[in-house]
Amino acid sequence: MILDSIKNAELYYSLNPRLEAAFDWLAKTDVRTLPVGRHDILGDELFVNVMELDLKPRYEAALEVHNKYIDIQVLVDGNKEEFGWLERKDCKRAKGEFDEAKDVQFFTDEPQVFYTLREGQFTILYPEDGHAPMLGTGHVKKLIFKVLK
């Protein structure tokens, strides 16, 4: 799990060649006007899901993991969003089987730690990161980049 300011994005380009393409797209796009839904950047290798949603309380946190994709999550509009985190190897209480088509599996384990994402920041979540997004209060608009690992 990585949490940092968007101004420091280039520090992470060497981790995956598609990270630079994601942050370049972010810098050149008026994300506040993007409609909700999927927007292709490099087809299935890199795309972004635009979401608008109401945040939920911590007690509703559901950890999720992915196999094929790295997430880059960016808050576009809203004061803050909280995330729960737990190392994937410690996610033991599965809530159903892994969904290959959606590249996701959910768990009911308690997050080890909670952290806050604010506007102007991003979080990178690898397949090794169990994460519970969309926590807090209020309504947000956010981007979830899906980066083929």
Protein backbone atom coordinates (compact mmCIF):
# COMPACT_ATOMS: atom_id res chain seq x y z
CA MET A 1 0.00 0.00 0.00
CA ILE A 2 1.26 3.45 -0.92
CA LEU A 3 -0.24 6.77 0.15
CA ASP A 4 1.30 9.94 -1.26
CA SER A 5 0.65 13.31 -2.87
CA ILE A 6 -0.03 13.42 -6.61
CA LYS A 7 2.88 15.86 -6.98
CA ASN A 8 5.18 12.93 -6.03
CA ALA A 9 3.71 10.45 -8.53
CA GLU A 10 6.86 10.21 -10.64
CA LEU A 11 8.65 8.55 -7.72
CA TYR A 12 6.58 5.43 -8.44
CA TYR A 13 6.84 5.19 -12.24
CA SER A 14 9.54 2.52 -12.06
CA LEU A 15 7.18 0.15 -10.21
CA ASN A 16 5.10 -0.54 -13.32
CA PRO A 17 5.35 1.05 -16.80
CA ARG A 18 1.61 1.77 -16.85
CA LEU A 19 1.74 3.92 -13.70
CA GLU A 20 3.31 6.76 -15.66
CA ALA A 21 0.59 6.52 -18.31
CA ALA A 22 -2.09 6.68 -15.59
CA PHE A 23 -0.65 9.78 -13.95
CA ASP A 24 -0.02 11.45 -17.34
CA TRP A 25 -3.67 10.88 -18.22
CA LEU A 26 -4.70 12.26 -14.82
CA ALA A 27 -2.63 15.43 -15.36
CA LYS A 28 -4.14 16.06 -18.82
CA THR A 29 -7.79 15.32 -18.03
CA ASP A 30 -10.45 17.48 -16.42
CA VAL A 31 -11.56 14.71 -14.08
CA ARG A 32 -14.24 16.80 -12.36
CA THR A 33 -16.32 16.72 -15.56
CA LEU A 34 -15.88 13.01 -16.33
CA PRO A 35 -19.09 11.01 -16.27
CA VAL A 36 -19.44 8.00 -14.01
CA GLY A 37 -18.32 4.74 -15.61
CA ARG A 38 -15.33 3.11 -17.26
CA HIS A 39 -12.90 5.13 -19.38
CA ASP A 40 -10.27 3.24 -21.37
CA ILE A 41 -6.72 4.57 -21.46
CA LEU A 42 -4.82 1.51 -22.75
CA GLY A 43 -7.73 -0.89 -23.09
CA ASP A 44 -7.69 -3.69 -20.52
CA GLU A 45 -4.08 -2.86 -19.59
CA LEU A 46 -5.09 0.47 -18.05
CA PHE A 47 -8.51 1.98 -17.52
CA VAL A 48 -10.22 4.14 -14.94
CA ASN A 49 -13.58 3.74 -13.25
CA VAL A 50 -15.20 7.04 -12.24
CA MET A 51 -17.50 6.65 -9.25
CA GLU A 52 -19.79 8.89 -7.24
CA LEU A 53 -21.02 7.42 -3.99
CA ASP A 54 -21.94 7.89 -0.38
CA LEU A 55 -19.28 6.72 2.05
CA LYS A 56 -20.13 4.12 4.67
CA PRO A 57 -19.13 3.68 8.33
CA ARG A 58 -16.10 1.64 9.35
CA TYR A 59 -18.21 -1.16 10.78
CA GLU A 60 -19.40 -1.89 7.22
CA ALA A 61 -15.82 -2.25 5.95
CA ALA A 62 -15.37 -5.18 3.57
CA LEU A 63 -11.80 -5.94 2.60
CA GLU A 64 -11.19 -6.74 -1.06
CA VAL A 65 -8.27 -8.18 -3.00
CA HIS A 66 -7.43 -8.41 -6.70
CA ASN A 67 -5.23 -10.79 -8.69
CA LYS A 68 -4.72 -9.14 -12.09
CA TYR A 69 -4.85 -5.43 -11.34
CA ILE A 70 -3.16 -2.82 -9.20
CA ASP A 71 -5.51 -0.05 -8.03
CA ILE A 72 -4.63 3.61 -8.02
CA GLN A 73 -7.39 5.42 -6.15
CA VAL A 74 -7.74 9.20 -6.32
CA LEU A 75 -10.30 11.39 -4.56
CA VAL A 76 -11.66 13.99 -7.00
CA ASP A 77 -14.38 15.66 -4.96
CA GLY A 78 -15.08 15.28 -1.27
CA ASN A 79 -13.19 16.19 1.85
CA LYS A 80 -11.71 12.78 2.58
CA GLU A 81 -12.16 9.04 2.24
CA GLU A 82 -10.99 6.43 4.70
CA PHE A 83 -9.52 3.05 3.82
CA GLY A 84 -8.99 -0.04 5.89
CA TRP A 85 -5.91 -2.17 5.17
CA LEU A 86 -4.80 -5.70 5.99
CA GLU A 87 -2.05 -7.71 4.35
CA ARG A 88 -3.64 -10.21 1.97
CA LYS A 89 -2.00 -13.20 3.65
CA ASP A 90 -3.93 -12.26 6.81
CA CYS A 91 -7.32 -12.16 5.06
CA LYS A 92 -8.84 -15.43 6.28
CA ARG A 93 -12.63 -14.98 6.36
CA ALA A 94 -13.68 -15.03 2.70
CA LYS A 95 -17.10 -13.72 1.80
CA GLY A 96 -17.59 -15.90 -1.26
CA GLU A 97 -15.24 -17.19 -3.93
CA PHE A 98 -12.84 -15.14 -6.05
CA ASP A 99 -14.73 -13.59 -8.99
CA GLU A 100 -12.34 -13.93 -11.95
CA ALA A 101 -14.49 -11.79 -14.26
CA LYS A 102 -14.48 -8.86 -11.82
CA ASP A 103 -11.00 -9.63 -10.42
CA VAL A 104 -12.17 -9.35 -6.82
CA GLN A 105 -12.75 -11.32 -3.65
CA PHE A 106 -14.18 -9.91 -0.43
CA PHE A 107 -13.31 -10.70 3.18
CA THR A 108 -14.92 -9.92 6.53
CA ASP A 109 -11.65 -9.72 8.50
CA GLU A 110 -10.97 -6.65 10.64
CA PRO A 111 -8.56 -4.17 9.00
CA GLN A 112 -5.21 -3.80 10.78
CA VAL A 113 -5.11 -0.07 10.16
CA PHE A 114 -7.25 2.74 8.78
CA TYR A 115 -5.85 5.66 6.79
CA THR A 116 -7.27 8.78 5.17
CA LEU A 117 -7.06 9.82 1.52
CA ARG A 118 -7.56 13.53 0.79
CA GLU A 119 -7.94 15.50 -2.43
CA GLY A 120 -4.55 15.88 -4.13
CA GLN A 121 -3.39 12.47 -2.89
CA PHE A 122 -3.47 8.92 -4.24
CA THR A 123 -3.20 5.42 -2.86
CA ILE A 124 -1.73 2.48 -4.76
CA LEU A 125 -3.03 -0.92 -3.75
CA TYR A 126 -1.30 -4.07 -4.98
CA PRO A 127 -2.75 -7.59 -5.11
CA GLU A 128 -0.96 -8.19 -1.79
CA ASP A 129 -3.04 -5.45 -0.14
CA GLY A 130 -6.40 -6.28 1.35
CA HIS A 131 -8.21 -2.95 1.32
CA ALA A 132 -11.58 -1.59 2.40
CA PRO A 133 -12.31 1.61 0.45
CA MET A 134 -15.25 4.02 0.56
CA LEU A 135 -15.33 4.55 4.31
CA GLY A 136 -16.24 7.76 6.14
CA THR A 137 -19.13 10.18 5.90
CA GLY A 138 -20.44 12.26 3.04
CA HIS A 139 -20.54 11.95 -0.74
CA VAL A 140 -17.44 11.67 -2.95
CA LYS A 141 -16.38 11.45 -6.55
CA LYS A 142 -13.35 9.26 -7.05
CA LEU A 143 -11.23 7.55 -9.67
CA ILE A 144 -10.11 3.95 -9.49
CA PHE A 145 -7.40 3.24 -12.05
CA LYS A 146 -7.04 -0.46 -12.86
CA VAL A 147 -3.42 -1.12 -13.84
CA LEU A 148 -2.53 -4.55 -15.22
CA LYS A 149 0.28 -5.84 -12.99
